[in-house]
Amino acid sequence: MRSLVLILLLSGCTTLASPQASIGCQAADVATTAIALHAGALEANPIVNGLLSSVGWPGFIVIKALMAWALIANEKKAPAVVATVNTATCGVAVHNLLLP
């Protein structure tokens, strides 16, 4: 996963604003969050914690899919914003993988 993030960062804004990056980063965040929580970590993000408490995993996955869709829909209009969100989301996924 670290290699993937490094490749994305080195590839520049175009890659980070791509539909593939939007889908990959959102999916990686969901998967690594599930893995970390299953391993006993506590959700530190109060927004995500509230979402998981109120809508559960199915709802959280739908929200993340909608987020990917929104990013893809705006990749041409605001590529810097999309790249920034994707970088942050993939960063969270990497953080989740590094949890003890």
PDB file of N, CA and C in Angstrom:
ATOM      1  N   MET A   1       0.820  -1.188   0.000  1.00  0.00           N
ATOM      2  CA  MET A   1       0.000   0.000   0.000  1.00  0.00           C
ATOM      3  C   MET A   1       0.866   1.254   0.000  1.00  0.00           C
ATOM      4  N   ARG A   2       1.955   1.238   0.761  1.00  0.00           N
ATOM      5  CA  ARG A   2       2.835   2.401   0.787  1.00  0.00           C
ATOM      6  C   ARG A   2       3.372   2.688  -0.609  1.00  0.00           C
ATOM      7  N   SER A   3       3.707   1.634  -1.332  1.00  0.00           N
ATOM      8  CA  SER A   3       4.227   1.806  -2.691  1.00  0.00           C
ATOM      9  C   SER A   3       3.186   2.453  -3.591  1.00  0.00           C
ATOM     10  N   LEU A   4       1.923   2.030  -3.458  1.00  0.00           N
ATOM     11  CA  LEU A   4       0.853   2.607  -4.274  1.00  0.00           C
ATOM     12  C   LEU A   4       0.714   4.095  -4.003  1.00  0.00           C
ATOM     13  N   VAL A   5       0.728   4.480  -2.746  1.00  0.00           N
ATOM     14  CA  VAL A   5       0.595   5.900  -2.399  1.00  0.00           C
ATOM     15  C   VAL A   5       1.789   6.675  -2.930  1.00  0.00           C
ATOM     16  N   LEU A   6       2.980   6.121  -2.793  1.00  0.00           N
ATOM     17  CA  LEU A   6       4.169   6.800  -3.294  1.00  0.00           C
ATOM     18  C   LEU A   6       4.100   6.978  -4.807  1.00  0.00           C
ATOM     19  N   ILE A   7       3.663   5.954  -5.523  1.00  0.00           N
ATOM     20  CA  ILE A   7       3.526   6.053  -6.979  1.00  0.00           C
ATOM     21  C   ILE A   7       2.512   7.138  -7.335  1.00  0.00           C
ATOM     22  N   LEU A   8       1.384   7.161  -6.626  1.00  0.00           N
ATOM     23  CA  LEU A   8       0.375   8.189  -6.888  1.00  0.00           C
ATOM     24  C   LEU A   8       0.926   9.588  -6.639  1.00  0.00           C
ATOM     25  N   LEU A   9       1.655   9.745  -5.559  1.00  0.00           N
ATOM     26  CA  LEU A   9       2.197  11.061  -5.242  1.00  0.00           C
ATOM     27  C   LEU A   9       3.230  11.497  -6.271  1.00  0.00           C
ATOM     28  N   LEU A  10       4.053  10.563  -6.717  1.00  0.00           N
ATOM     29  CA  LEU A  10       5.081  10.892  -7.689  1.00  0.00           C
ATOM     30  C   LEU A  10       4.516  11.125  -9.081  1.00  0.00           C
ATOM     31  N   SER A  11       3.355  10.568  -9.358  1.00  0.00           N
ATOM     32  CA  SER A  11       2.754  10.712 -10.678  1.00  0.00           C
ATOM     33  C   SER A  11       2.141  12.082 -10.889  1.00  0.00           C
ATOM     34  N   GLY A  12       1.866  12.786  -9.843  1.00  0.00           N
ATOM     35  CA  GLY A  12       1.359  14.140  -9.967  1.00  0.00           C
ATOM     36  C   GLY A  12      -0.149  14.247  -9.874  1.00  0.00           C
ATOM     37  N   CYS A  13      -0.598  15.467 -10.028  1.00  0.00           N
ATOM     38  CA  CYS A  13      -1.999  15.818  -9.832  1.00  0.00           C
ATOM     39  C   CYS A  13      -2.928  15.096 -10.794  1.00  0.00           C
ATOM     40  N   THR A  14      -2.490  14.869 -12.034  1.00  0.00           N
ATOM     41  CA  THR A  14      -3.363  14.219 -13.007  1.00  0.00           C
ATOM     42  C   THR A  14      -3.769  12.834 -12.534  1.00  0.00           C
ATOM     43  N   THR A  15      -2.822  12.080 -12.053  1.00  0.00           N
ATOM     44  CA  THR A  15      -3.131  10.738 -11.555  1.00  0.00           C
ATOM     45  C   THR A  15      -3.987  10.809 -10.302  1.00  0.00           C
ATOM     46  N   LEU A  16      -3.660  11.713  -9.406  1.00  0.00           N
ATOM     47  CA  LEU A  16      -4.403  11.827  -8.158  1.00  0.00           C
ATOM     48  C   LEU A  16      -5.835  12.299  -8.371  1.00  0.00           C
ATOM     49  N   ALA A  17      -6.088  12.978  -9.477  1.00  0.00           N
ATOM     50  CA  ALA A  17      -7.441  13.458  -9.770  1.00  0.00           C
ATOM     51  C   ALA A  17      -8.197  12.503 -10.683  1.00  0.00           C
ATOM     52  N   SER A  18      -7.649  11.329 -10.931  1.00  0.00           N
ATOM     53  CA  SER A  18      -8.280  10.374 -11.850  1.00  0.00           C
ATOM     54  C   SER A  18      -9.422   9.618 -11.181  1.00  0.00           C
ATOM     55  N   PRO A  19     -10.342   9.093 -11.975  1.00  0.00           N
ATOM     56  CA  PRO A  19     -11.409   8.258 -11.418  1.00  0.00           C
ATOM     57  C   PRO A  19     -10.852   7.036 -10.685  1.00  0.00           C
ATOM     58  N   GLN A  20      -9.777   6.467 -11.214  1.00  0.00           N
ATOM     59  CA  GLN A  20      -9.187   5.291 -10.576  1.00  0.00           C
ATOM     60  C   GLN A  20      -8.668   5.620  -9.177  1.00  0.00           C
ATOM     61  N   ALA A  21      -8.048   6.790  -9.036  1.00  0.00           N
ATOM     62  CA  ALA A  21      -7.561   7.195  -7.719  1.00  0.00           C
ATOM     63  C   ALA A  21      -8.722   7.442  -6.762  1.00  0.00           C
ATOM     64  N   SER A  22      -9.788   8.064  -7.250  1.00  0.00           N
ATOM     65  CA  SER A  22     -10.958   8.328  -6.400  1.00  0.00           C
ATOM     66  C   SER A  22     -11.557   7.031  -5.887  1.00  0.00           C
ATOM     67  N   ILE A  23     -11.745   6.072  -6.776  1.00  0.00           N
ATOM     68  CA  ILE A  23     -12.320   4.777  -6.374  1.00  0.00           C
ATOM     69  C   ILE A  23     -11.350   4.027  -5.468  1.00  0.00           C
ATOM     70  N   GLY A  24     -10.089   3.989  -5.865  1.00  0.00           N
ATOM     71  CA  GLY A  24      -9.093   3.247  -5.095  1.00  0.00           C
ATOM     72  C   GLY A  24      -8.895   3.790  -3.694  1.00  0.00           C
ATOM     73  N   CYS A  25      -8.821   5.103  -3.560  1.00  0.00           N
ATOM     74  CA  CYS A  25      -8.596   5.700  -2.239  1.00  0.00           C
ATOM     75  C   CYS A  25      -9.801   5.514  -1.325  1.00  0.00           C
ATOM     76  N   GLN A  26     -11.003   5.689  -1.866  1.00  0.00           N
ATOM     77  CA  GLN A  26     -12.203   5.478  -1.044  1.00  0.00           C
ATOM     78  C   GLN A  26     -12.307   4.015  -0.608  1.00  0.00           C
ATOM     79  N   ALA A  27     -12.051   3.099  -1.545  1.00  0.00           N
ATOM     80  CA  ALA A  27     -12.112   1.668  -1.215  1.00  0.00           C
ATOM     81  C   ALA A  27     -11.030   1.288  -0.205  1.00  0.00           C
ATOM     82  N   ALA A  28      -9.836   1.837  -0.384  1.00  0.00           N
ATOM     83  CA  ALA A  28      -8.753   1.544   0.555  1.00  0.00           C
ATOM     84  C   ALA A  28      -9.081   2.056   1.951  1.00  0.00           C
ATOM     85  N   ASP A  29      -9.720   3.207   2.036  1.00  0.00           N
ATOM     86  CA  ASP A  29     -10.107   3.754   3.338  1.00  0.00           C
ATOM     87  C   ASP A  29     -11.121   2.840   4.021  1.00  0.00           C
ATOM     88  N   VAL A  30     -12.121   2.385   3.284  1.00  0.00           N
ATOM     89  CA  VAL A  30     -13.123   1.479   3.869  1.00  0.00           C
ATOM     90  C   VAL A  30     -12.466   0.190   4.335  1.00  0.00           C
ATOM     91  N   ALA A  31     -11.662  -0.407   3.465  1.00  0.00           N
ATOM     92  CA  ALA A  31     -11.048  -1.701   3.794  1.00  0.00           C
ATOM     93  C   ALA A  31     -10.102  -1.604   4.978  1.00  0.00           C
ATOM     94  N   THR A  32      -9.252  -0.585   4.989  1.00  0.00           N
ATOM     95  CA  THR A  32      -8.295  -0.484   6.087  1.00  0.00           C
ATOM     96  C   THR A  32      -8.958  -0.066   7.395  1.00  0.00           C
ATOM     97  N   THR A  33     -10.032   0.706   7.300  1.00  0.00           N
ATOM     98  CA  THR A  33     -10.791   1.038   8.509  1.00  0.00           C
ATOM     99  C   THR A  33     -11.403  -0.224   9.095  1.00  0.00           C
ATOM    100  N   ALA A  34     -11.989  -1.051   8.252  1.00  0.00           N
ATOM    101  CA  ALA A  34     -12.587  -2.306   8.720  1.00  0.00           C
ATOM    102  C   ALA A  34     -11.531  -3.206   9.356  1.00  0.00           C
ATOM    103  N   ILE A  35     -10.386  -3.307   8.715  1.00  0.00           N
ATOM    104  CA  ILE A  35      -9.309  -4.154   9.240  1.00  0.00           C
ATOM    105  C   ILE A  35      -8.835  -3.634  10.592  1.00  0.00           C
ATOM    106  N   ALA A  36      -8.603  -2.327  10.682  1.00  0.00           N
ATOM    107  CA  ALA A  36      -8.109  -1.742  11.932  1.00  0.00           C
ATOM    108  C   ALA A  36      -9.117  -1.907  13.064  1.00  0.00           C
ATOM    109  N   LEU A  37     -10.393  -1.644  12.778  1.00  0.00           N
ATOM    110  CA  LEU A  37     -11.412  -1.775  13.821  1.00  0.00           C
ATOM    111  C   LEU A  37     -11.583  -3.231  14.239  1.00  0.00           C
ATOM    112  N   HIS A  38     -11.499  -4.142  13.289  1.00  0.00           N
ATOM    113  CA  HIS A  38     -11.609  -5.572  13.606  1.00  0.00           C
ATOM    114  C   HIS A  38     -10.436  -6.025  14.486  1.00  0.00           C
ATOM    115  N   ALA A  39      -9.282  -5.382  14.291  1.00  0.00           N
ATOM    116  CA  ALA A  39      -8.099  -5.732  15.076  1.00  0.00           C
ATOM    117  C   ALA A  39      -8.106  -5.078  16.456  1.00  0.00           C
ATOM    118  N   GLY A  40      -9.124  -4.262  16.749  1.00  0.00           N
ATOM    119  CA  GLY A  40      -9.238  -3.675  18.077  1.00  0.00           C
ATOM    120  C   GLY A  40      -8.943  -2.189  18.166  1.00  0.00           C
ATOM    121  N   ALA A  41      -8.616  -1.555  17.046  1.00  0.00           N
ATOM    122  CA  ALA A  41      -8.380  -0.108  17.074  1.00  0.00           C
ATOM    123  C   ALA A  41      -9.703   0.616  17.330  1.00  0.00           C
ATOM    124  N   LEU A  42      -9.608   1.824  17.831  1.00  0.00           N
ATOM    125  CA  LEU A  42     -10.779   2.661  18.035  1.00  0.00           C
ATOM    126  C   LEU A  42     -10.817   3.707  16.931  1.00  0.00           C
ATOM    127  N   GLU A  43     -12.009   4.006  16.427  1.00  0.00           N
ATOM    128  CA  GLU A  43     -12.160   5.024  15.388  1.00  0.00           C
ATOM    129  C   GLU A  43     -11.921   6.394  15.999  1.00  0.00           C
ATOM    130  N   ALA A  44     -10.889   7.081  15.538  1.00  0.00           N
ATOM    131  CA  ALA A  44     -10.519   8.379  16.092  1.00  0.00           C
ATOM    132  C   ALA A  44     -11.277   9.537  15.445  1.00  0.00           C
ATOM    133  N   ASN A  45     -11.800   9.322  14.247  1.00  0.00           N
ATOM    134  CA  ASN A  45     -12.522  10.388  13.556  1.00  0.00           C
ATOM    135  C   ASN A  45     -13.968  10.393  14.050  1.00  0.00           C
ATOM    136  N   PRO A  46     -14.387  11.466  14.731  1.00  0.00           N
ATOM    137  CA  PRO A  46     -15.744  11.487  15.278  1.00  0.00           C
ATOM    138  C   PRO A  46     -16.835  11.423  14.208  1.00  0.00           C
ATOM    139  N   ILE A  47     -16.544  11.936  13.014  1.00  0.00           N
ATOM    140  CA  ILE A  47     -17.537  11.881  11.940  1.00  0.00           C
ATOM    141  C   ILE A  47     -17.730  10.442  11.483  1.00  0.00           C
ATOM    142  N   VAL A  48     -16.636   9.754  11.232  1.00  0.00           N
ATOM    143  CA  VAL A  48     -16.722   8.349  10.803  1.00  0.00           C
ATOM    144  C   VAL A  48     -17.321   7.500  11.917  1.00  0.00           C
ATOM    145  N   ASN A  49     -16.923   7.755  13.141  1.00  0.00           N
ATOM    146  CA  ASN A  49     -17.477   7.005  14.273  1.00  0.00           C
ATOM    147  C   ASN A  49     -18.989   7.188  14.347  1.00  0.00           C
ATOM    148  N   GLY A  50     -19.459   8.435  14.170  1.00  0.00           N
ATOM    149  CA  GLY A  50     -20.895   8.703  14.177  1.00  0.00           C
ATOM    150  C   GLY A  50     -21.616   8.035  13.020  1.00  0.00           C
ATOM    151  N   LEU A  51     -20.987   8.059  11.831  1.00  0.00           N
ATOM    152  CA  LEU A  51     -21.593   7.395  10.671  1.00  0.00           C
ATOM    153  C   LEU A  51     -21.721   5.889  10.902  1.00  0.00           C
ATOM    154  N   LEU A  52     -20.652   5.288  11.386  1.00  0.00           N
ATOM    155  CA  LEU A  52     -20.694   3.846  11.630  1.00  0.00           C
ATOM    156  C   LEU A  52     -21.738   3.497  12.695  1.00  0.00           C
ATOM    157  N   SER A  53     -21.883   4.362  13.683  1.00  0.00           N
ATOM    158  CA  SER A  53     -22.882   4.122  14.728  1.00  0.00           C
ATOM    159  C   SER A  53     -24.310   4.280  14.208  1.00  0.00           C
ATOM    160  N   SER A  54     -24.501   5.243  13.302  1.00  0.00           N
ATOM    161  CA  SER A  54     -25.869   5.520  12.852  1.00  0.00           C
ATOM    162  C   SER A  54     -26.302   4.729  11.620  1.00  0.00           C
ATOM    163  N   VAL A  55     -25.399   4.507  10.668  1.00  0.00           N
ATOM    164  CA  VAL A  55     -25.805   3.819   9.439  1.00  0.00           C
ATOM    165  C   VAL A  55     -25.141   2.462   9.253  1.00  0.00           C
ATOM    166  N   GLY A  56     -24.193   2.134  10.128  1.00  0.00           N
ATOM    167  CA  GLY A  56     -23.518   0.842  10.047  1.00  0.00           C
ATOM    168  C   GLY A  56     -22.601   0.752   8.834  1.00  0.00           C
ATOM    169  N   TRP A  57     -22.035  -0.433   8.660  1.00  0.00           N
ATOM    170  CA  TRP A  57     -21.113  -0.641   7.545  1.00  0.00           C
ATOM    171  C   TRP A  57     -21.779  -0.499   6.185  1.00  0.00           C
ATOM    172  N   PRO A  58     -22.982  -1.042   5.992  1.00  0.00           N
ATOM    173  CA  PRO A  58     -23.605  -0.878   4.665  1.00  0.00           C
ATOM    174  C   PRO A  58     -23.789   0.599   4.297  1.00  0.00           C
ATOM    175  N   GLY A  59     -24.273   1.395   5.239  1.00  0.00           N
ATOM    176  CA  GLY A  59     -24.463   2.812   4.984  1.00  0.00           C
ATOM    177  C   GLY A  59     -23.146   3.543   4.759  1.00  0.00           C
ATOM    178  N   PHE A  60     -22.131   3.170   5.525  1.00  0.00           N
ATOM    179  CA  PHE A  60     -20.813   3.782   5.373  1.00  0.00           C
ATOM    180  C   PHE A  60     -20.243   3.492   3.989  1.00  0.00           C
ATOM    181  N   ILE A  61     -20.405   2.270   3.520  1.00  0.00           N
ATOM    182  CA  ILE A  61     -19.928   1.905   2.181  1.00  0.00           C
ATOM    183  C   ILE A  61     -20.672   2.697   1.109  1.00  0.00           C
ATOM    184  N   VAL A  62     -21.975   2.859   1.280  1.00  0.00           N
ATOM    185  CA  VAL A  62     -22.750   3.665   0.324  1.00  0.00           C
ATOM    186  C   VAL A  62     -22.257   5.108   0.330  1.00  0.00           C
ATOM    187  N   ILE A  63     -22.003   5.663   1.490  1.00  0.00           N
ATOM    188  CA  ILE A  63     -21.511   7.043   1.585  1.00  0.00           C
ATOM    189  C   ILE A  63     -20.153   7.175   0.896  1.00  0.00           C
ATOM    190  N   LYS A  64     -19.275   6.213   1.104  1.00  0.00           N
ATOM    191  CA  LYS A  64     -17.962   6.261   0.466  1.00  0.00           C
ATOM    192  C   LYS A  64     -18.090   6.110  -1.056  1.00  0.00           C
ATOM    193  N   ALA A  65     -19.025   5.287  -1.506  1.00  0.00           N
ATOM    194  CA  ALA A  65     -19.261   5.146  -2.954  1.00  0.00           C
ATOM    195  C   ALA A  65     -19.786   6.454  -3.534  1.00  0.00           C
ATOM    196  N   LEU A  66     -20.680   7.107  -2.811  1.00  0.00           N
ATOM    197  CA  LEU A  66     -21.188   8.405  -3.257  1.00  0.00           C
ATOM    198  C   LEU A  66     -20.079   9.459  -3.275  1.00  0.00           C
ATOM    199  N   MET A  67     -19.176   9.381  -2.327  1.00  0.00           N
ATOM    200  CA  MET A  67     -18.040  10.301  -2.305  1.00  0.00           C
ATOM    201  C   MET A  67     -17.163  10.076  -3.540  1.00  0.00           C
ATOM    202  N   ALA A  68     -16.898   8.812  -3.870  1.00  0.00           N
ATOM    203  CA  ALA A  68     -16.112   8.518  -5.079  1.00  0.00           C
ATOM    204  C   ALA A  68     -16.832   9.045  -6.319  1.00  0.00           C
ATOM    205  N   TRP A  69     -18.145   8.837  -6.386  1.00  0.00           N
ATOM    206  CA  TRP A  69     -18.928   9.327  -7.521  1.00  0.00           C
ATOM    207  C   TRP A  69     -18.838  10.849  -7.632  1.00  0.00           C
ATOM    208  N   ALA A  70     -18.962  11.548  -6.506  1.00  0.00           N
ATOM    209  CA  ALA A  70     -18.887  13.012  -6.505  1.00  0.00           C
ATOM    210  C   ALA A  70     -17.509  13.493  -6.954  1.00  0.00           C
ATOM    211  N   LEU A  71     -16.475  12.802  -6.516  1.00  0.00           N
ATOM    212  CA  LEU A  71     -15.123  13.179  -6.935  1.00  0.00           C
ATOM    213  C   LEU A  71     -14.935  12.967  -8.431  1.00  0.00           C
ATOM    214  N   ILE A  72     -15.414  11.825  -8.926  1.00  0.00           N
ATOM    215  CA  ILE A  72     -15.300  11.539 -10.361  1.00  0.00           C
ATOM    216  C   ILE A  72     -16.080  12.568 -11.175  1.00  0.00           C
ATOM    217  N   ALA A  73     -17.250  12.943 -10.693  1.00  0.00           N
ATOM    218  CA  ALA A  73     -18.081  13.916 -11.408  1.00  0.00           C
ATOM    219  C   ALA A  73     -17.423  15.290 -11.484  1.00  0.00           C
ATOM    220  N   ASN A  74     -16.499  15.563 -10.566  1.00  0.00           N
ATOM    221  CA  ASN A  74     -15.869  16.887 -10.523  1.00  0.00           C
ATOM    222  C   ASN A  74     -14.402  16.880 -10.922  1.00  0.00           C
ATOM    223  N   GLU A  75     -13.919  15.765 -11.442  1.00  0.00           N
ATOM    224  CA  GLU A  75     -12.486  15.676 -11.747  1.00  0.00           C
ATOM    225  C   GLU A  75     -12.031  16.698 -12.780  1.00  0.00           C
ATOM    226  N   LYS A  76     -12.879  17.040 -13.737  1.00  0.00           N
ATOM    227  CA  LYS A  76     -12.504  18.014 -14.772  1.00  0.00           C
ATOM    228  C   LYS A  76     -12.694  19.461 -14.285  1.00  0.00           C
ATOM    229  N   LYS A  77     -13.698  19.678 -13.434  1.00  0.00           N
ATOM    230  CA  LYS A  77     -13.999  21.030 -12.951  1.00  0.00           C
ATOM    231  C   LYS A  77     -13.023  21.487 -11.873  1.00  0.00           C
ATOM    232  N   ALA A  78     -12.642  20.578 -11.002  1.00  0.00           N
ATOM    233  CA  ALA A  78     -11.797  20.944  -9.864  1.00  0.00           C
ATOM    234  C   ALA A  78     -10.749  19.860  -9.607  1.00  0.00           C
ATOM    235  N   PRO A  79      -9.832  19.653 -10.534  1.00  0.00           N
ATOM    236  CA  PRO A  79      -8.864  18.560 -10.362  1.00  0.00           C
ATOM    237  C   PRO A  79      -7.983  18.717  -9.125  1.00  0.00           C
ATOM    238  N   ALA A  80      -7.651  19.937  -8.753  1.00  0.00           N
ATOM    239  CA  ALA A  80      -6.807  20.128  -7.570  1.00  0.00           C
ATOM    240  C   ALA A  80      -7.547  19.715  -6.303  1.00  0.00           C
ATOM    241  N   VAL A  81      -8.829  20.014  -6.232  1.00  0.00           N
ATOM    242  CA  VAL A  81      -9.632  19.615  -5.068  1.00  0.00           C
ATOM    243  C   VAL A  81      -9.741  18.094  -5.016  1.00  0.00           C
ATOM    244  N   VAL A  82     -10.026  17.482  -6.154  1.00  0.00           N
ATOM    245  CA  VAL A  82     -10.150  16.019  -6.208  1.00  0.00           C
ATOM    246  C   VAL A  82      -8.824  15.375  -5.817  1.00  0.00           C
ATOM    247  N   ALA A  83      -7.724  15.874  -6.332  1.00  0.00           N
ATOM    248  CA  ALA A  83      -6.409  15.324  -5.996  1.00  0.00           C
ATOM    249  C   ALA A  83      -6.115  15.472  -4.506  1.00  0.00           C
ATOM    250  N   THR A  84      -6.496  16.606  -3.933  1.00  0.00           N
ATOM    251  CA  THR A  84      -6.268  16.835  -2.507  1.00  0.00           C
ATOM    252  C   THR A  84      -7.086  15.870  -1.652  1.00  0.00           C
ATOM    253  N   VAL A  85      -8.357  15.700  -1.999  1.00  0.00           N
ATOM    254  CA  VAL A  85      -9.208  14.759  -1.247  1.00  0.00           C
ATOM    255  C   VAL A  85      -8.672  13.341  -1.385  1.00  0.00           C
ATOM    256  N   ASN A  86      -8.275  12.949  -2.590  1.00  0.00           N
ATOM    257  CA  ASN A  86      -7.744  11.602  -2.791  1.00  0.00           C
ATOM    258  C   ASN A  86      -6.448  11.389  -2.024  1.00  0.00           C
ATOM    259  N   THR A  87      -5.592  12.395  -1.995  1.00  0.00           N
ATOM    260  CA  THR A  87      -4.348  12.287  -1.231  1.00  0.00           C
ATOM    261  C   THR A  87      -4.643  12.103   0.256  1.00  0.00           C
ATOM    262  N   ALA A  88      -5.556  12.900   0.773  1.00  0.00           N
ATOM    263  CA  ALA A  88      -5.915  12.788   2.190  1.00  0.00           C
ATOM    264  C   ALA A  88      -6.534  11.428   2.496  1.00  0.00           C
ATOM    265  N   THR A  89      -7.427  10.963   1.624  1.00  0.00           N
ATOM    266  CA  THR A  89      -8.110   9.689   1.866  1.00  0.00           C
ATOM    267  C   THR A  89      -7.131   8.529   1.798  1.00  0.00           C
ATOM    268  N   CYS A  90      -6.239   8.537   0.814  1.00  0.00           N
ATOM    269  CA  CYS A  90      -5.230   7.475   0.745  1.00  0.00           C
ATOM    270  C   CYS A  90      -4.267   7.572   1.927  1.00  0.00           C
ATOM    271  N   GLY A  91      -4.006   8.798   2.377  1.00  0.00           N
ATOM    272  CA  GLY A  91      -3.171   8.972   3.568  1.00  0.00           C
ATOM    273  C   GLY A  91      -3.801   8.339   4.793  1.00  0.00           C
ATOM    274  N   VAL A  92      -5.109   8.479   4.930  1.00  0.00           N
ATOM    275  CA  VAL A  92      -5.825   7.838   6.038  1.00  0.00           C
ATOM    276  C   VAL A  92      -5.702   6.316   5.932  1.00  0.00           C
ATOM    277  N   ALA A  93      -5.816   5.792   4.719  1.00  0.00           N
ATOM    278  CA  ALA A  93      -5.705   4.354   4.515  1.00  0.00           C
ATOM    279  C   ALA A  93      -4.320   3.858   4.935  1.00  0.00           C
ATOM    280  N   VAL A  94      -3.280   4.596   4.569  1.00  0.00           N
ATOM    281  CA  VAL A  94      -1.928   4.219   4.967  1.00  0.00           C
ATOM    282  C   VAL A  94      -1.798   4.294   6.492  1.00  0.00           C
ATOM    283  N   HIS A  95      -2.327   5.340   7.083  1.00  0.00           N
ATOM    284  CA  HIS A  95      -2.305   5.461   8.544  1.00  0.00           C
ATOM    285  C   HIS A  95      -2.966   4.256   9.205  1.00  0.00           C
ATOM    286  N   ASN A  96      -4.121   3.859   8.667  1.00  0.00           N
ATOM    287  CA  ASN A  96      -4.836   2.700   9.216  1.00  0.00           C
ATOM    288  C   ASN A  96      -3.973   1.439   9.165  1.00  0.00           C
ATOM    289  N   LEU A  97      -3.205   1.294   8.089  1.00  0.00           N
ATOM    290  CA  LEU A  97      -2.358   0.110   7.967  1.00  0.00           C
ATOM    291  C   LEU A  97      -1.196   0.121   8.956  1.00  0.00           C
ATOM    292  N   LEU A  98      -0.803   1.300   9.382  1.00  0.00           N
ATOM    293  CA  LEU A  98       0.349   1.418  10.296  1.00  0.00           C
ATOM    294  C   LEU A  98      -0.049   1.329  11.759  1.00  0.00           C
ATOM    295  N   LEU A  99      -1.347   1.219  12.047  1.00  0.00           N
ATOM    296  CA  LEU A  99      -1.789   1.113  13.434  1.00  0.00           C
ATOM    297  C   LEU A  99      -1.280  -0.186  14.036  1.00  0.00           C
ATOM    298  N   PRO A 100      -0.911  -0.125  15.312  1.00  0.00           N
ATOM    299  CA  PRO A 100      -0.403  -1.355  15.959  1.00  0.00           C
ATOM    300  C   PRO A 100      -1.464  -2.413  16.110  1.00  0.00           C
TER     301      PRO A 100
END
